[in-house]
PDB file of all heavy atoms in Angstrom:
ATOM      1  N   PRO A   1     -13.460  -0.388 -11.229  1.00  0.00           N
ATOM      2  CA  PRO A   1     -14.418  -1.145 -12.115  1.00  0.00           C
ATOM      3  C   PRO A   1     -13.651  -1.916 -13.173  1.00  0.00           C
ATOM      4  O   PRO A   1     -12.763  -1.341 -13.849  1.00  0.00           O
ATOM      5  CB  PRO A   1     -15.254  -0.048 -12.663  1.00  0.00           C
ATOM      6  CG  PRO A   1     -15.182   1.047 -11.686  1.00  0.00           C
ATOM      7  CD  PRO A   1     -13.842   1.027 -11.144  1.00  0.00           C
ATOM      8  N   GLY A   2     -13.950  -3.204 -13.296  1.00  0.00           N
ATOM      9  CA  GLY A   2     -13.415  -3.986 -14.337  1.00  0.00           C
ATOM     10  C   GLY A   2     -11.936  -4.477 -14.051  1.00  0.00           C
ATOM     11  O   GLY A   2     -11.275  -5.069 -14.925  1.00  0.00           O
ATOM     12  N   LYS A   3     -11.465  -4.176 -12.847  1.00  0.00           N
ATOM     13  CA  LYS A   3     -10.046  -4.548 -12.524  1.00  0.00           C
ATOM     14  C   LYS A   3     -10.055  -5.445 -11.318  1.00  0.00           C
ATOM     15  O   LYS A   3     -10.960  -5.508 -10.577  1.00  0.00           O
ATOM     16  CB  LYS A   3      -9.239  -3.259 -12.295  1.00  0.00           C
ATOM     17  CG  LYS A   3      -9.048  -2.456 -13.561  1.00  0.00           C
ATOM     18  CD  LYS A   3      -8.047  -1.364 -13.298  1.00  0.00           C
ATOM     19  CE  LYS A   3      -7.755  -0.514 -14.540  1.00  0.00           C
ATOM     20  NZ  LYS A   3      -6.721   0.542 -14.322  1.00  0.00           N
ATOM     21  N   GLN A   4      -8.886  -6.129 -11.157  1.00  0.00           N
ATOM     22  CA  GLN A   4      -8.692  -7.000  -9.985  1.00  0.00           C
ATOM     23  C   GLN A   4      -8.422  -6.077  -8.758  1.00  0.00           C
ATOM     24  O   GLN A   4      -7.920  -5.021  -8.821  1.00  0.00           O
ATOM     25  CB  GLN A   4      -7.404  -7.851 -10.241  1.00  0.00           C
ATOM     26  CG  GLN A   4      -7.450  -8.727 -11.424  1.00  0.00           C
ATOM     27  CD  GLN A   4      -8.014 -10.145 -11.056  1.00  0.00           C
ATOM     28  OE1 GLN A   4      -8.682 -10.301 -10.088  1.00  0.00           O
ATOM     29  NE2 GLN A   4      -7.631 -11.105 -11.889  1.00  0.00           N
ATOM     30  N   ARG A   5      -8.764  -6.663  -7.630  1.00  0.00           N
ATOM     31  CA  ARG A   5      -8.417  -6.016  -6.355  1.00  0.00           C
ATOM     32  C   ARG A   5      -6.929  -6.013  -6.156  1.00  0.00           C
ATOM     33  O   ARG A   5      -6.299  -7.050  -6.432  1.00  0.00           O
ATOM     34  CB  ARG A   5      -9.170  -6.720  -5.185  1.00  0.00           C
ATOM     35  CG  ARG A   5      -9.054  -5.948  -3.871  1.00  0.00           C
ATOM     36  CD  ARG A   5      -9.863  -6.611  -2.761  1.00  0.00           C
ATOM     37  NE  ARG A   5     -11.296  -6.573  -3.127  1.00  0.00           N
ATOM     38  CZ  ARG A   5     -12.271  -6.870  -2.230  1.00  0.00           C
ATOM     39  NH1 ARG A   5     -11.896  -7.196  -0.994  1.00  0.00           N
ATOM     40  NH2 ARG A   5     -13.522  -6.816  -2.516  1.00  0.00           N
ATOM     41  N   GLU A   6      -6.362  -4.919  -5.757  1.00  0.00           N
ATOM     42  CA  GLU A   6      -4.948  -4.837  -5.580  1.00  0.00           C
ATOM     43  C   GLU A   6      -4.576  -4.279  -4.230  1.00  0.00           C
ATOM     44  O   GLU A   6      -5.283  -3.443  -3.673  1.00  0.00           O
ATOM     45  CB  GLU A   6      -4.286  -3.982  -6.685  1.00  0.00           C
ATOM     46  CG  GLU A   6      -4.743  -2.528  -6.757  1.00  0.00           C
ATOM     47  CD  GLU A   6      -4.111  -1.729  -7.905  1.00  0.00           C
ATOM     48  OE1 GLU A   6      -3.264  -2.319  -8.610  1.00  0.00           O
ATOM     49  OE2 GLU A   6      -4.466  -0.592  -8.011  1.00  0.00           O
ATOM     50  N   LEU A   7      -3.397  -4.744  -3.701  1.00  0.00           N
ATOM     51  CA  LEU A   7      -2.907  -4.224  -2.466  1.00  0.00           C
ATOM     52  C   LEU A   7      -2.295  -2.840  -2.646  1.00  0.00           C
ATOM     53  O   LEU A   7      -1.451  -2.625  -3.507  1.00  0.00           O
ATOM     54  CB  LEU A   7      -1.854  -5.170  -1.880  1.00  0.00           C
ATOM     55  CG  LEU A   7      -1.144  -4.685  -0.614  1.00  0.00           C
ATOM     56  CD1 LEU A   7      -2.128  -4.599   0.560  1.00  0.00           C
ATOM     57  CD2 LEU A   7       0.026  -5.618  -0.264  1.00  0.00           C
ATOM     58  N   VAL A   8      -2.790  -1.856  -1.853  1.00  0.00           N
ATOM     59  CA  VAL A   8      -2.329  -0.488  -1.952  1.00  0.00           C
ATOM     60  C   VAL A   8      -1.173  -0.266  -0.971  1.00  0.00           C
ATOM     61  O   VAL A   8      -0.081   0.249  -1.267  1.00  0.00           O
ATOM     62  CB  VAL A   8      -3.473   0.487  -1.674  1.00  0.00           C
ATOM     63  CG1 VAL A   8      -2.937   1.917  -1.685  1.00  0.00           C
ATOM     64  CG2 VAL A   8      -4.551   0.301  -2.703  1.00  0.00           C
ATOM     65  N   ALA A   9      -1.425  -0.640   0.277  1.00  0.00           N
ATOM     66  CA  ALA A   9      -0.471  -0.418   1.347  1.00  0.00           C
ATOM     67  C   ALA A   9      -0.738  -1.353   2.526  1.00  0.00           C
ATOM     68  O   ALA A   9      -1.870  -1.759   2.692  1.00  0.00           O
ATOM     69  CB  ALA A   9      -0.498   0.995   1.818  1.00  0.00           C
ATOM     70  N   VAL A  10       0.346  -1.753   3.212  1.00  0.00           N
ATOM     71  CA  VAL A  10       0.213  -2.649   4.363  1.00  0.00           C
ATOM     72  C   VAL A  10       1.226  -2.195   5.389  1.00  0.00           C
ATOM     73  O   VAL A  10       2.338  -1.767   5.096  1.00  0.00           O
ATOM     74  CB  VAL A  10       0.403  -4.078   4.000  1.00  0.00           C
ATOM     75  CG1 VAL A  10       1.774  -4.351   3.378  1.00  0.00           C
ATOM     76  CG2 VAL A  10       0.176  -5.041   5.167  1.00  0.00           C
ATOM     77  N   VAL A  11       0.786  -2.311   6.649  1.00  0.00           N
ATOM     78  CA  VAL A  11       1.780  -2.039   7.796  1.00  0.00           C
ATOM     79  C   VAL A  11       1.716  -3.288   8.657  1.00  0.00           C
ATOM     80  O   VAL A  11       0.692  -3.842   9.022  1.00  0.00           O
ATOM     81  CB  VAL A  11       1.315  -0.796   8.574  1.00  0.00           C
ATOM     82  CG1 VAL A  11      -0.162  -0.843   9.109  1.00  0.00           C
ATOM     83  CG2 VAL A  11       2.278  -0.541   9.741  1.00  0.00           C
ATOM     84  N   TYR A  12       2.944  -3.832   8.975  1.00  0.00           N
ATOM     85  CA  TYR A  12       3.114  -5.032   9.728  1.00  0.00           C
ATOM     86  C   TYR A  12       3.402  -4.719  11.151  1.00  0.00           C
ATOM     87  O   TYR A  12       3.877  -3.565  11.529  1.00  0.00           O
ATOM     88  CB  TYR A  12       4.264  -5.835   9.137  1.00  0.00           C
ATOM     89  CG  TYR A  12       4.053  -6.287   7.717  1.00  0.00           C
ATOM     90  CD1 TYR A  12       4.590  -5.562   6.697  1.00  0.00           C
ATOM     91  CD2 TYR A  12       3.303  -7.445   7.431  1.00  0.00           C
ATOM     92  CE1 TYR A  12       4.379  -5.950   5.350  1.00  0.00           C
ATOM     93  CE2 TYR A  12       3.089  -7.810   6.147  1.00  0.00           C
ATOM     94  CZ  TYR A  12       3.643  -7.134   5.108  1.00  0.00           C
ATOM     95  OH  TYR A  12       3.440  -7.549   3.820  1.00  0.00           O
ATOM     96  N   ASN A  13       3.195  -5.660  12.043  1.00  0.00           N
ATOM     97  CA  ASN A  13       3.641  -5.539  13.424  1.00  0.00           C
ATOM     98  C   ASN A  13       5.136  -5.257  13.414  1.00  0.00           C
ATOM     99  O   ASN A  13       5.890  -5.838  12.685  1.00  0.00           O
ATOM    100  CB  ASN A  13       3.401  -6.810  14.243  1.00  0.00           C
ATOM    101  CG  ASN A  13       2.007  -6.882  14.776  1.00  0.00           C
ATOM    102  OD1 ASN A  13       1.251  -5.922  14.692  1.00  0.00           O
ATOM    103  ND2 ASN A  13       1.676  -8.005  15.358  1.00  0.00           N
ATOM    104  N   GLY A  14       5.523  -4.261  14.178  1.00  0.00           N
ATOM    105  CA  GLY A  14       6.928  -3.816  14.163  1.00  0.00           C
ATOM    106  C   GLY A  14       7.102  -2.605  13.356  1.00  0.00           C
ATOM    107  O   GLY A  14       8.123  -1.863  13.427  1.00  0.00           O
ATOM    108  N   GLY A  15       6.073  -2.234  12.518  1.00  0.00           N
ATOM    109  CA  GLY A  15       6.039  -0.973  11.832  1.00  0.00           C
ATOM    110  C   GLY A  15       6.497  -0.952  10.408  1.00  0.00           C
ATOM    111  O   GLY A  15       6.390   0.087   9.759  1.00  0.00           O
ATOM    112  N   SER A  16       7.004  -2.017   9.838  1.00  0.00           N
ATOM    113  CA  SER A  16       7.434  -2.007   8.463  1.00  0.00           C
ATOM    114  C   SER A  16       6.220  -1.872   7.543  1.00  0.00           C
ATOM    115  O   SER A  16       5.129  -2.315   7.884  1.00  0.00           O
ATOM    116  CB  SER A  16       8.215  -3.223   8.130  1.00  0.00           C
ATOM    117  OG  SER A  16       7.448  -4.416   8.243  1.00  0.00           O
ATOM    118  N   THR A  17       6.461  -1.212   6.415  1.00  0.00           N
ATOM    119  CA  THR A  17       5.297  -1.005   5.489  1.00  0.00           C
ATOM    120  C   THR A  17       5.718  -1.385   4.065  1.00  0.00           C
ATOM    121  O   THR A  17       6.884  -1.451   3.686  1.00  0.00           O
ATOM    122  CB  THR A  17       4.960   0.494   5.493  1.00  0.00           C
ATOM    123  OG1 THR A  17       6.150   1.286   5.148  1.00  0.00           O
ATOM    124  CG2 THR A  17       4.457   0.926   6.811  1.00  0.00           C
ATOM    125  N   ASN A  18       4.700  -1.631   3.289  1.00  0.00           N
ATOM    126  CA  ASN A  18       4.869  -1.886   1.828  1.00  0.00           C
ATOM    127  C   ASN A  18       3.840  -1.108   1.065  1.00  0.00           C
ATOM    128  O   ASN A  18       2.719  -1.032   1.567  1.00  0.00           O
ATOM    129  CB  ASN A  18       4.803  -3.333   1.472  1.00  0.00           C
ATOM    130  CG  ASN A  18       6.093  -4.047   1.642  1.00  0.00           C
ATOM    131  OD1 ASN A  18       7.172  -3.487   1.436  1.00  0.00           O
ATOM    132  ND2 ASN A  18       6.022  -5.350   1.992  1.00  0.00           N
ATOM    133  N   TYR A  19       4.188  -0.604  -0.128  1.00  0.00           N
ATOM    134  CA  TYR A  19       3.244   0.191  -0.877  1.00  0.00           C
ATOM    135  C   TYR A  19       3.274  -0.350  -2.371  1.00  0.00           C
ATOM    136  O   TYR A  19       4.244  -0.777  -2.914  1.00  0.00           O
ATOM    137  CB  TYR A  19       3.674   1.688  -0.933  1.00  0.00           C
ATOM    138  CG  TYR A  19       3.539   2.378   0.402  1.00  0.00           C
ATOM    139  CD1 TYR A  19       4.622   2.395   1.298  1.00  0.00           C
ATOM    140  CD2 TYR A  19       2.351   2.989   0.760  1.00  0.00           C
ATOM    141  CE1 TYR A  19       4.544   3.069   2.506  1.00  0.00           C
ATOM    142  CE2 TYR A  19       2.216   3.597   1.978  1.00  0.00           C
ATOM    143  CZ  TYR A  19       3.283   3.640   2.850  1.00  0.00           C
ATOM    144  OH  TYR A  19       3.177   4.301   4.040  1.00  0.00           O
ATOM    145  N   LEU A  20       2.058  -0.150  -3.015  1.00  0.00           N
ATOM    146  CA  LEU A  20       1.980  -0.331  -4.407  1.00  0.00           C
ATOM    147  C   LEU A  20       2.865   0.754  -5.034  1.00  0.00           C
ATOM    148  O   LEU A  20       2.933   1.899  -4.586  1.00  0.00           O
ATOM    149  CB  LEU A  20       0.500  -0.089  -4.800  1.00  0.00           C
ATOM    150  CG  LEU A  20       0.094  -0.232  -6.279  1.00  0.00           C
ATOM    151  CD1 LEU A  20       0.268  -1.650  -6.698  1.00  0.00           C
ATOM    152  CD2 LEU A  20      -1.318   0.297  -6.449  1.00  0.00           C
ATOM    153  N   GLU A  21       3.623   0.356  -6.078  1.00  0.00           N
ATOM    154  CA  GLU A  21       4.572   1.225  -6.663  1.00  0.00           C
ATOM    155  C   GLU A  21       3.990   2.589  -7.093  1.00  0.00           C
ATOM    156  O   GLU A  21       4.580   3.639  -6.871  1.00  0.00           O
ATOM    157  CB  GLU A  21       5.215   0.516  -7.856  1.00  0.00           C
ATOM    158  CG  GLU A  21       6.391   1.293  -8.469  1.00  0.00           C
ATOM    159  CD  GLU A  21       7.599   1.328  -7.488  1.00  0.00           C
ATOM    160  OE1 GLU A  21       7.765   0.327  -6.710  1.00  0.00           O
ATOM    161  OE2 GLU A  21       8.285   2.347  -7.517  1.00  0.00           O
ATOM    162  N   SER A  22       2.771   2.526  -7.609  1.00  0.00           N
ATOM    163  CA  SER A  22       2.159   3.756  -8.183  1.00  0.00           C
ATOM    164  C   SER A  22       1.748   4.766  -7.103  1.00  0.00           C
ATOM    165  O   SER A  22       1.394   5.915  -7.439  1.00  0.00           O
ATOM    166  CB  SER A  22       0.963   3.356  -9.084  1.00  0.00           C
ATOM    167  OG  SER A  22      -0.022   2.741  -8.324  1.00  0.00           O
ATOM    168  N   VAL A  23       1.730   4.323  -5.840  1.00  0.00           N
ATOM    169  CA  VAL A  23       1.303   5.302  -4.770  1.00  0.00           C
ATOM    170  C   VAL A  23       2.432   5.676  -3.919  1.00  0.00           C
ATOM    171  O   VAL A  23       2.244   6.529  -3.028  1.00  0.00           O
ATOM    172  CB  VAL A  23       0.090   4.709  -3.908  1.00  0.00           C
ATOM    173  CG1 VAL A  23      -0.986   4.176  -4.835  1.00  0.00           C
ATOM    174  CG2 VAL A  23       0.663   3.634  -2.972  1.00  0.00           C
ATOM    175  N   LYS A  24       3.638   5.132  -4.149  1.00  0.00           N
ATOM    176  CA  LYS A  24       4.766   5.510  -3.294  1.00  0.00           C
ATOM    177  C   LYS A  24       5.047   6.960  -3.358  1.00  0.00           C
ATOM    178  O   LYS A  24       5.064   7.549  -4.477  1.00  0.00           O
ATOM    179  CB  LYS A  24       6.014   4.676  -3.721  1.00  0.00           C
ATOM    180  CG  LYS A  24       6.002   3.235  -3.301  1.00  0.00           C
ATOM    181  CD  LYS A  24       7.276   2.512  -3.762  1.00  0.00           C
ATOM    182  CE  LYS A  24       7.235   1.050  -3.329  1.00  0.00           C
ATOM    183  NZ  LYS A  24       8.407   0.365  -3.802  1.00  0.00           N
ATOM    184  N   GLY A  25       5.248   7.598  -2.217  1.00  0.00           N
ATOM    185  CA  GLY A  25       5.548   8.993  -2.179  1.00  0.00           C
ATOM    186  C   GLY A  25       4.274   9.874  -2.084  1.00  0.00           C
ATOM    187  O   GLY A  25       4.393  11.016  -1.823  1.00  0.00           O
ATOM    188  N   ARG A  26       3.154   9.276  -2.302  1.00  0.00           N
ATOM    189  CA  ARG A  26       1.864  10.002  -2.260  1.00  0.00           C
ATOM    190  C   ARG A  26       0.987   9.498  -1.106  1.00  0.00           C
ATOM    191  O   ARG A  26       0.219  10.321  -0.501  1.00  0.00           O
ATOM    192  CB  ARG A  26       1.095   9.873  -3.581  1.00  0.00           C
ATOM    193  CG  ARG A  26       1.890  10.321  -4.758  1.00  0.00           C
ATOM    194  CD  ARG A  26       0.981  10.358  -6.036  1.00  0.00           C
ATOM    195  NE  ARG A  26       0.525   9.062  -6.415  1.00  0.00           N
ATOM    196  CZ  ARG A  26      -0.729   8.696  -6.538  1.00  0.00           C
ATOM    197  NH1 ARG A  26      -1.700   9.547  -6.272  1.00  0.00           N
ATOM    198  NH2 ARG A  26      -1.073   7.491  -6.948  1.00  0.00           N
ATOM    199  N   PHE A  27       0.948   8.223  -0.821  1.00  0.00           N
ATOM    200  CA  PHE A  27       0.140   7.652   0.185  1.00  0.00           C
ATOM    201  C   PHE A  27       1.010   7.248   1.414  1.00  0.00           C
ATOM    202  O   PHE A  27       2.181   6.807   1.224  1.00  0.00           O
ATOM    203  CB  PHE A  27      -0.547   6.408  -0.305  1.00  0.00           C
ATOM    204  CG  PHE A  27      -1.616   6.650  -1.355  1.00  0.00           C
ATOM    205  CD1 PHE A  27      -1.776   7.831  -1.959  1.00  0.00           C
ATOM    206  CD2 PHE A  27      -2.502   5.569  -1.704  1.00  0.00           C
ATOM    207  CE1 PHE A  27      -2.780   8.058  -2.937  1.00  0.00           C
ATOM    208  CE2 PHE A  27      -3.443   5.765  -2.636  1.00  0.00           C
ATOM    209  CZ  PHE A  27      -3.595   6.992  -3.288  1.00  0.00           C
ATOM    210  N   THR A  28       0.408   7.359   2.550  1.00  0.00           N
ATOM    211  CA  THR A  28       1.124   6.938   3.741  1.00  0.00           C
ATOM    212  C   THR A  28       0.158   6.112   4.667  1.00  0.00           C
ATOM    213  O   THR A  28      -0.962   6.604   4.980  1.00  0.00           O
ATOM    214  CB  THR A  28       1.601   8.196   4.572  1.00  0.00           C
ATOM    215  OG1 THR A  28       2.478   8.957   3.779  1.00  0.00           O
ATOM    216  CG2 THR A  28       2.407   7.653   5.864  1.00  0.00           C
ATOM    217  N   ILE A  29       0.568   4.912   5.025  1.00  0.00           N
ATOM    218  CA  ILE A  29      -0.215   4.121   5.906  1.00  0.00           C
ATOM    219  C   ILE A  29       0.330   4.209   7.307  1.00  0.00           C
ATOM    220  O   ILE A  29       1.537   4.309   7.501  1.00  0.00           O
ATOM    221  CB  ILE A  29      -0.273   2.634   5.423  1.00  0.00           C
ATOM    222  CG1 ILE A  29      -1.296   1.818   6.173  1.00  0.00           C
ATOM    223  CG2 ILE A  29       1.166   1.977   5.532  1.00  0.00           C
ATOM    224  CD1 ILE A  29      -1.600   0.453   5.601  1.00  0.00           C
ATOM    225  N   SER A  30      -0.611   4.230   8.291  1.00  0.00           N
ATOM    226  CA  SER A  30      -0.160   4.249   9.683  1.00  0.00           C
ATOM    227  C   SER A  30      -1.174   3.473  10.533  1.00  0.00           C
ATOM    228  O   SER A  30      -2.330   3.186   9.996  1.00  0.00           O
ATOM    229  CB  SER A  30      -0.041   5.708  10.197  1.00  0.00           C
ATOM    230  OG  SER A  30      -1.290   6.357  10.070  1.00  0.00           O
TER     231      SER A  30
END
């Protein structure tokens, strides 16, 4: 609420991933 939409995690073709800094080590995308 009251904040911009932000990218949390993404998985690309080939399997590479990126994470929001604040969720690294806690969230896993698959």
